[in-house]
């Protein structure tokens, strides 16, 4: 007896074929439990479970390798330095840090580093603005030269600055053995920090907001101060802090042009070397720990500010 075919039957058969092709719910559950796909179905190795097992094995290994490397390269040397600085007791440590010549070297270092950081905050932002927003012949060359202080040995920078600003200056500008000479040397080696921190932010900045501000009648200065600068400020502060942290520990660029005059142009790194040469390692370690503490506080403040800026952006979004 022949059964009549209705118009809905092909669709019904298609649904049945899809149901037959789909695995049963129990088979899927069995596969997730690691027991294969069920009765009558060959066992298969579940891919996602295998990947997660590999991830569980790889994560402790990666953390262990990173922790070991940081311990050998950073934590152990810093611990050894701290132990050496307190080798003769806290009183000797305090006496070494507060010695008049030591305090003078720290003062020269901090004052020069602050001045250099402020100069970099202004000039680094201006240079980044020109490199991103303006087109001019030789732009790529100038952009490449920004990274030169990172690649150039700092002692070479000191020789160059001494040739330019020393006793035989071709431009008749003598900065040898002066505090301005120390500032110039530190500004040279810390130039890239603010520039490279601000450049990506400027590239990603929304130009439409600036155009809207200009269309409403705001001047260029008002637009920069009210629209652009708040966006750039986290990057400017980050680059300025990194420049300050680098400046307080700089040695090579100031070793020649600075003159190493105690209480005048001798920076803390030169004082540390002097204490080592006269066989006073505890004094050298104590001043080194003081510089380390200053740098650590600076970096901690930078991280706090970066986290605060990120939270503000998330709340605004």
Protein backbone atom coordinates (compact mmCIF):
# COMPACT_ATOMS: atom_id res chain seq x y z
CA UNK A 1 0.00 0.00 0.00
CA UNK A 2 1.48 3.29 -1.03
CA UNK A 3 1.61 6.12 1.46
CA UNK A 4 0.81 9.56 0.20
CA UNK A 5 3.60 12.11 0.44
CA UNK A 6 2.65 15.42 1.95
CA UNK A 7 4.37 18.74 1.40
CA UNK A 8 5.86 18.76 4.91
CA UNK A 9 7.49 15.30 4.69
CA UNK A 10 10.82 16.28 3.09
CA UNK A 11 11.36 18.78 5.89
CA UNK A 12 10.50 16.11 8.48
CA UNK A 13 12.96 13.67 6.95
CA UNK A 14 15.65 16.34 6.96
CA UNK A 15 15.11 16.93 10.69
CA UNK A 16 15.36 13.18 11.30
CA UNK A 17 18.62 12.95 9.37
CA UNK A 18 20.09 15.80 11.42
CA UNK A 19 18.96 14.08 14.63
CA UNK A 20 20.57 10.80 13.52
CA UNK A 21 23.84 12.57 12.64
CA UNK A 22 24.05 14.47 15.96
CA UNK A 23 25.73 12.60 18.86
CA UNK A 24 23.61 11.70 21.81
CA UNK A 25 23.72 13.84 24.91
CA UNK A 26 25.01 10.95 26.98
CA UNK A 27 27.81 10.37 24.48
CA UNK A 28 28.89 14.00 24.71
CA UNK A 29 28.83 13.82 28.49
CA UNK A 30 30.89 10.65 28.34
CA UNK A 31 33.43 12.33 26.08
CA UNK A 32 33.75 15.23 28.51
CA UNK A 33 34.38 12.76 31.33
CA UNK A 34 37.20 11.19 29.32
CA UNK A 35 35.37 7.90 28.59
CA UNK A 36 34.92 8.12 24.83
CA UNK A 37 31.81 8.97 22.86
CA UNK A 38 29.61 6.21 24.13
CA UNK A 39 28.48 2.75 22.97
CA UNK A 40 29.24 1.83 19.43
CA UNK A 41 31.42 4.88 18.92
CA UNK A 42 35.22 4.72 18.76
CA UNK A 43 37.08 6.48 21.56
CA UNK A 44 38.62 9.85 20.71
CA UNK A 45 41.13 11.89 22.63
CA UNK A 46 39.30 15.03 23.74
CA UNK A 47 41.24 18.00 22.35
CA UNK A 48 40.21 20.76 24.78
CA UNK A 49 40.95 18.60 27.84
CA UNK A 50 44.39 17.75 26.50
CA UNK A 51 45.20 21.40 25.87
CA UNK A 52 44.08 22.41 29.34
CA UNK A 53 46.21 19.63 30.86
CA UNK A 54 49.22 20.93 28.94
CA UNK A 55 48.44 24.44 30.14
CA UNK A 56 48.27 23.22 33.73
CA UNK A 57 51.71 21.65 33.38
CA UNK A 58 53.25 24.59 31.52
CA UNK A 59 52.07 27.34 33.85
CA UNK A 60 54.09 26.27 36.95
CA UNK A 61 57.12 25.61 34.75
CA UNK A 62 56.96 29.10 33.23
CA UNK A 63 56.46 30.75 36.61
CA UNK A 64 59.35 28.76 38.04
CA UNK A 65 61.72 29.74 35.22
CA UNK A 66 60.77 33.43 35.52
CA UNK A 67 61.10 33.35 39.31
CA UNK A 68 64.50 31.66 39.11
CA UNK A 69 65.79 34.14 36.54
CA UNK A 70 64.57 37.17 38.49
CA UNK A 71 66.04 35.75 41.69
CA UNK A 72 69.47 35.22 40.14
CA UNK A 73 69.56 38.51 38.22
CA UNK A 74 67.73 40.88 40.59
CA UNK A 75 66.72 39.60 44.03
CA UNK A 76 69.97 37.90 45.08
CA UNK A 77 72.24 40.84 44.09
CA UNK A 78 69.94 43.30 45.85
CA UNK A 79 69.83 41.09 48.93
CA UNK A 80 73.63 40.82 48.95
CA UNK A 81 73.92 44.61 48.61
CA UNK A 82 71.53 45.18 51.51
CA UNK A 83 73.35 42.68 53.75
CA UNK A 84 76.68 44.36 52.97
CA UNK A 85 75.32 47.81 53.78
CA UNK A 86 74.23 46.62 57.26
CA UNK A 87 77.34 44.52 57.84
CA UNK A 88 78.59 46.80 60.63
CA UNK A 89 75.14 47.47 62.09
CA UNK A 90 72.36 50.03 61.56
CA UNK A 91 74.43 52.76 63.21
CA UNK A 92 77.24 52.39 60.69
CA UNK A 93 74.70 52.35 57.87
CA UNK A 94 73.12 55.60 59.05
CA UNK A 95 76.52 57.20 59.58
CA UNK A 96 77.61 56.26 56.05
CA UNK A 97 74.44 57.64 54.46
CA UNK A 98 74.45 60.88 56.47
CA UNK A 99 78.14 61.67 56.04
CA UNK A 100 78.51 65.26 54.72
CA UNK A 101 80.12 64.24 51.44
CA UNK A 102 77.57 61.46 50.93
CA UNK A 103 74.66 63.82 51.57
CA UNK A 104 76.20 66.37 49.19
CA UNK A 105 76.49 63.77 46.42
CA UNK A 106 72.89 62.67 46.98
CA UNK A 107 71.75 66.29 46.90
CA UNK A 108 73.58 66.99 43.63
CA UNK A 109 72.15 63.80 42.14
CA UNK A 110 68.55 64.45 43.17
CA UNK A 111 68.56 68.12 42.16
CA UNK A 112 70.04 67.33 38.74
CA UNK A 113 67.63 64.41 38.25
CA UNK A 114 64.58 66.53 39.10
CA UNK A 115 65.69 69.31 36.74
CA UNK A 116 66.33 66.81 33.96
CA UNK A 117 62.97 65.10 34.53
CA UNK A 118 61.13 68.43 34.25
CA UNK A 119 63.05 69.37 31.10
CA UNK A 120 62.25 66.00 29.56
CA UNK A 121 58.58 66.34 30.47
CA UNK A 122 58.33 69.51 28.37
CA UNK A 123 60.79 68.87 25.56
CA UNK A 124 59.97 65.16 25.26
CA UNK A 125 56.27 65.93 24.84
CA UNK A 126 57.07 68.63 22.27
CA UNK A 127 59.35 66.31 20.30
CA UNK A 128 56.75 63.53 20.33
CA UNK A 129 54.10 66.00 19.13
CA UNK A 130 56.26 67.16 16.22
CA UNK A 131 57.18 63.61 15.20
CA UNK A 132 53.56 62.46 15.20
CA UNK A 133 51.64 65.50 13.97
CA UNK A 134 54.08 67.23 11.59
CA UNK A 135 55.72 66.17 8.34
CA UNK A 136 59.12 67.53 7.40
CA UNK A 137 62.20 66.40 5.46
CA UNK A 138 64.37 64.02 7.45
CA UNK A 139 61.59 63.00 9.84
CA UNK A 140 62.61 59.34 9.79
CA UNK A 141 66.21 60.24 10.56
CA UNK A 142 65.16 62.38 13.53
CA UNK A 143 62.86 59.62 14.76
CA UNK A 144 65.76 57.14 14.61
CA UNK A 145 68.12 59.53 16.41
CA UNK A 146 65.79 59.60 19.43
CA UNK A 147 66.88 56.06 20.32
CA UNK A 148 70.59 56.84 19.90
CA UNK A 149 71.19 57.42 23.67
CA UNK A 150 69.92 53.88 24.29
CA UNK A 151 72.38 52.36 21.81
CA UNK A 152 75.36 54.63 22.43
CA UNK A 153 77.71 53.78 25.34
CA UNK A 154 77.28 56.52 27.90
CA UNK A 155 81.02 57.09 28.23
CA UNK A 156 81.03 58.00 24.52
CA UNK A 157 78.33 60.56 25.25
CA UNK A 158 80.53 62.03 27.98
CA UNK A 159 83.46 62.33 25.56
CA UNK A 160 81.25 64.00 22.94
CA UNK A 161 79.85 66.46 25.47
CA UNK A 162 83.33 67.21 26.79
CA UNK A 163 84.54 67.94 23.24
CA UNK A 164 81.58 70.24 22.66
CA UNK A 165 81.32 71.99 26.03
CA UNK A 166 84.80 71.44 27.50
CA UNK A 167 87.80 73.78 27.81
CA UNK A 168 88.35 73.72 24.03
CA UNK A 169 84.67 74.20 23.14
CA UNK A 170 84.23 75.07 19.44
CA UNK A 171 81.13 77.09 20.32
CA UNK A 172 82.80 78.87 23.26
CA UNK A 173 80.40 77.35 25.80
CA UNK A 174 82.26 75.88 28.78
CA UNK A 175 80.24 73.52 30.99
CA UNK A 176 83.04 71.25 32.15
CA UNK A 177 83.02 70.57 35.92
CA UNK A 178 79.77 72.49 36.44
CA UNK A 179 76.31 71.44 37.55
CA UNK A 180 74.75 72.60 34.23
CA UNK A 181 77.19 70.21 32.53
CA UNK A 182 75.85 67.38 34.70
CA UNK A 183 72.28 68.35 33.77
CA UNK A 184 73.12 68.36 30.03
CA UNK A 185 74.74 64.93 30.28
CA UNK A 186 71.76 63.46 32.14
CA UNK A 187 69.30 65.09 29.72
CA UNK A 188 71.11 63.43 26.82
CA UNK A 189 70.83 59.87 28.17
CA UNK A 190 67.22 60.24 29.39
CA UNK A 191 65.80 61.92 26.28
CA UNK A 192 64.00 58.87 24.80
CA UNK A 193 61.89 58.01 27.84
CA UNK A 194 59.21 60.70 27.56
CA UNK A 195 59.27 60.76 23.76
CA UNK A 196 58.68 57.03 23.43
CA UNK A 197 56.03 57.07 26.16
CA UNK A 198 53.99 59.89 24.60
CA UNK A 199 54.27 58.90 20.93
CA UNK A 200 51.92 55.86 21.00
CA UNK A 201 49.28 57.84 22.91
CA UNK A 202 49.40 60.65 20.36
CA UNK A 203 49.12 58.17 17.49
CA UNK A 204 46.01 56.58 19.02
CA UNK A 205 44.42 59.89 20.09
CA UNK A 206 41.04 60.75 18.61
CA UNK A 207 41.53 63.74 16.31
CA UNK A 208 37.78 64.28 15.99
CA UNK A 209 37.59 65.56 19.57
CA UNK A 210 40.23 68.18 18.80
CA UNK A 211 38.41 69.18 15.61
CA UNK A 212 35.15 69.49 17.54
CA UNK A 213 36.85 71.71 20.11
CA UNK A 214 38.26 73.93 17.36
CA UNK A 215 34.90 74.11 15.62
CA UNK A 216 33.35 75.40 18.86
CA UNK A 217 35.76 78.32 18.82
CA UNK A 218 38.46 77.09 21.22
CA UNK A 219 41.98 78.28 20.52
CA UNK A 220 44.84 75.85 19.87
CA UNK A 221 46.22 76.36 23.36
CA UNK A 222 42.83 75.77 25.01
CA UNK A 223 42.30 72.65 22.92
CA UNK A 224 45.70 71.31 23.90
CA UNK A 225 45.28 72.14 27.59
CA UNK A 226 41.68 70.94 27.97
CA UNK A 227 41.50 68.07 25.45
CA UNK A 228 44.93 66.75 24.52
CA UNK A 229 46.95 67.20 27.70
CA UNK A 230 44.63 65.17 30.00
CA UNK A 231 44.97 62.27 27.58
CA UNK A 232 48.76 62.58 27.44
CA UNK A 233 49.33 63.21 31.14
CA UNK A 234 49.62 59.54 32.27
CA UNK A 235 52.20 58.86 29.56
CA UNK A 236 54.08 62.09 30.33
CA UNK A 237 54.25 61.27 34.04
CA UNK A 238 55.33 57.70 33.34
CA UNK A 239 58.13 58.78 31.00
CA UNK A 240 59.21 61.53 33.39
CA UNK A 241 59.41 59.10 36.29
CA UNK A 242 61.48 56.66 34.25
CA UNK A 243 63.82 59.48 33.22
CA UNK A 244 64.23 60.48 36.88
CA UNK A 245 64.94 56.89 37.95
CA UNK A 246 67.56 56.55 35.21
CA UNK A 247 69.18 59.89 36.06
CA UNK A 248 69.78 59.14 39.74
CA UNK A 249 71.86 56.10 38.86
CA UNK A 250 73.74 57.45 35.83
CA UNK A 251 77.52 57.29 35.81
CA UNK A 252 79.09 57.06 32.35
CA UNK A 253 77.72 60.25 30.80
CA UNK A 254 78.83 62.47 33.73
CA UNK A 255 82.17 60.88 34.51
CA UNK A 256 84.16 63.27 32.28
CA UNK A 257 82.12 66.43 31.86
CA UNK A 258 80.99 66.46 35.50
CA UNK A 259 84.48 66.82 36.90
CA UNK A 260 83.75 64.70 40.02
CA UNK A 261 84.24 67.63 42.39
CA UNK A 262 83.05 66.67 45.92
CA UNK A 263 80.13 68.75 47.24
CA UNK A 264 79.73 70.47 43.84
CA UNK A 265 79.48 68.15 40.84
CA UNK A 266 80.11 64.71 42.32
CA UNK A 267 77.02 62.56 41.82
CA UNK A 268 76.15 59.57 43.97
CA UNK A 269 77.45 56.98 41.51
CA UNK A 270 80.86 58.68 41.46
CA UNK A 271 80.89 58.84 45.26
CA UNK A 272 80.14 55.09 45.39
CA UNK A 273 83.06 54.36 43.08
CA UNK A 274 85.32 56.57 45.20
CA UNK A 275 84.38 54.68 48.38
CA UNK A 276 85.16 51.36 46.71
CA UNK A 277 88.56 52.64 45.55
CA UNK A 278 89.52 53.66 49.10
CA UNK A 279 88.34 50.29 50.47
CA UNK A 280 85.10 51.36 52.16
CA UNK A 281 82.59 48.88 50.72
CA UNK A 282 80.09 49.39 53.54
CA UNK A 283 79.82 53.12 52.80
CA UNK A 284 79.45 52.39 49.09
CA UNK A 285 76.76 49.79 49.75
CA UNK A 286 74.88 52.13 52.12
CA UNK A 287 74.65 54.94 49.55
CA UNK A 288 73.71 52.36 46.90
CA UNK A 289 70.83 51.17 49.08
CA UNK A 290 69.70 54.78 49.49
CA UNK A 291 69.62 55.22 45.70
CA UNK A 292 67.83 51.90 45.39
CA UNK A 293 65.16 53.01 47.86
CA UNK A 294 64.62 56.28 45.95
CA UNK A 295 64.29 54.43 42.65
CA UNK A 296 61.93 51.86 44.19
CA UNK A 297 59.66 54.56 45.61
CA UNK A 298 59.62 56.30 42.23
CA UNK A 299 58.64 53.14 40.37
CA UNK A 300 56.01 52.29 43.01
CA UNK A 301 54.42 55.73 42.59
CA UNK A 302 54.41 55.25 38.82
CA UNK A 303 52.62 51.91 39.15
CA UNK A 304 50.09 53.41 41.56
CA UNK A 305 49.40 56.29 39.21
CA UNK A 306 49.09 53.94 36.21
CA UNK A 307 46.62 51.75 38.10
CA UNK A 308 44.61 54.78 39.17
CA UNK A 309 44.45 56.08 35.59
CA UNK A 310 43.34 52.64 34.35
CA UNK A 311 40.55 52.48 36.94
CA UNK A 312 39.35 55.94 35.91
CA UNK A 313 39.23 54.87 32.27
CA UNK A 314 37.27 51.73 33.16
CA UNK A 315 34.79 53.74 35.23
CA UNK A 316 34.37 56.28 32.42
CA UNK A 317 33.72 53.49 29.93
